[in-house]
Protein backbone atom coordinates (compact mmCIF):
# COMPACT_ATOMS: atom_id res chain seq x y z
CA UNK A 1 7.97 129.55 69.72
CA UNK A 2 7.97 124.89 69.08
CA UNK A 3 4.87 122.53 68.61
CA UNK A 4 3.84 119.51 69.13
CA UNK A 5 1.62 117.44 68.54
CA UNK A 6 -1.32 116.20 71.81
CA UNK A 7 -1.56 111.82 70.84
CA UNK A 8 -3.58 111.37 73.80
CA UNK A 9 -7.19 109.50 73.93
CA UNK A 10 -8.57 111.95 75.27
CA UNK A 11 -8.93 116.47 75.19
CA UNK A 12 -7.54 117.97 77.88
CA UNK A 13 -7.12 121.99 79.38
CA UNK A 14 -3.14 122.87 79.20
CA UNK A 15 -3.06 125.07 81.75
CA UNK A 16 -0.09 126.87 80.29
CA UNK A 17 -1.27 127.18 77.72
CA UNK A 18 -4.04 130.01 79.29
CA UNK A 19 -6.25 127.05 80.44
CA UNK A 20 -6.69 126.14 76.23
CA UNK A 21 -8.27 122.62 75.54
CA UNK A 22 -6.36 120.68 73.76
CA UNK A 23 -7.86 117.67 71.08
CA UNK A 24 -6.70 114.41 70.31
CA UNK A 25 -4.44 115.17 66.83
CA UNK A 26 -3.88 119.08 67.69
CA UNK A 27 -0.55 120.36 66.87
CA UNK A 28 0.15 123.22 68.98
CA UNK A 29 2.47 125.76 70.05
CA UNK A 30 4.41 125.92 73.59
CA UNK A 31 7.26 127.87 74.14
CA UNK A 32 10.61 127.13 73.97
CA UNK A 33 11.77 126.80 76.73
CA UNK A 34 9.44 124.24 77.96
CA UNK A 35 9.86 121.83 74.47
CA UNK A 36 11.08 119.00 76.84
CA UNK A 37 8.34 119.22 79.64
CA UNK A 38 5.92 117.75 76.57
CA UNK A 39 8.39 115.94 74.95
CA UNK A 40 10.11 113.82 77.40
CA UNK A 41 5.81 112.34 78.09
CA UNK A 42 5.94 110.51 75.00
CA UNK A 43 2.77 109.15 75.79
CA UNK A 44 1.23 112.19 75.37
CA UNK A 45 2.74 114.66 73.18
CA UNK A 46 5.30 113.87 69.98
CA UNK A 47 7.95 116.66 68.27
CA UNK A 48 6.88 118.29 65.55
CA UNK A 49 9.11 121.53 65.04
CA UNK A 50 11.88 122.24 67.27
CA UNK A 51 12.84 125.37 69.22
CA UNK A 52 14.99 127.08 66.88
CA UNK A 53 18.63 126.75 68.65
CA UNK A 54 17.47 123.53 69.77
CA UNK A 55 20.08 120.92 71.68
CA UNK A 56 18.32 117.72 73.31
CA UNK A 57 19.03 117.76 76.78
CA UNK A 58 21.97 115.71 77.52
CA UNK A 59 20.79 111.75 78.45
CA UNK A 60 21.28 110.90 82.21
CA UNK A 61 23.47 108.21 83.53
CA UNK A 62 20.89 105.50 84.27
CA UNK A 63 20.37 104.64 87.93
CA UNK A 64 20.98 101.50 89.40
CA UNK A 65 18.16 99.91 91.72
CA UNK A 66 20.20 99.81 96.05
CA UNK A 67 19.16 97.21 98.35
CA UNK A 68 18.15 98.77 100.81
CA UNK A 69 17.84 96.93 104.42
CA UNK A 70 15.07 96.74 106.30
CA UNK A 71 15.02 98.74 109.10
CA UNK A 72 15.44 96.92 112.52
CA UNK A 73 13.31 96.53 114.64
CA UNK A 74 12.64 97.86 117.71
CA UNK A 75 11.88 95.16 120.62
CA UNK A 76 9.24 96.04 122.33
CA UNK A 77 9.72 97.22 126.08
CA UNK A 78 7.30 95.33 128.80
CA UNK A 79 6.65 96.82 131.98
CA UNK A 80 4.94 95.18 134.77
CA UNK A 81 1.04 96.05 136.05
CA UNK A 82 0.86 98.10 139.17
CA UNK A 83 -0.76 96.53 141.35
CA UNK A 84 -3.13 98.27 143.28
CA UNK A 85 -3.58 99.61 146.43
CA UNK A 86 -5.41 99.74 148.67
CA UNK A 87 -5.58 102.41 151.58
CA UNK A 88 -7.34 101.32 154.21
């Protein structure tokens, strides 16, 4: 199993670790297949020991921000009020 250190500011409960409470600066073992899920959260976890035969995931290409045009505004339809009829 891989090991990571919790560097968050206060204790957290980690359901994936059986509901265990992890305290700041504590090193815990995590499943090898979930190692990336922890170390990608750099504000909370730091790597201590990588899984055996670990290959870091390939870097993803940076996505460009696309400019989306605002949807065309649909003009409000105006309808004439129906004149009330008096029967008589």
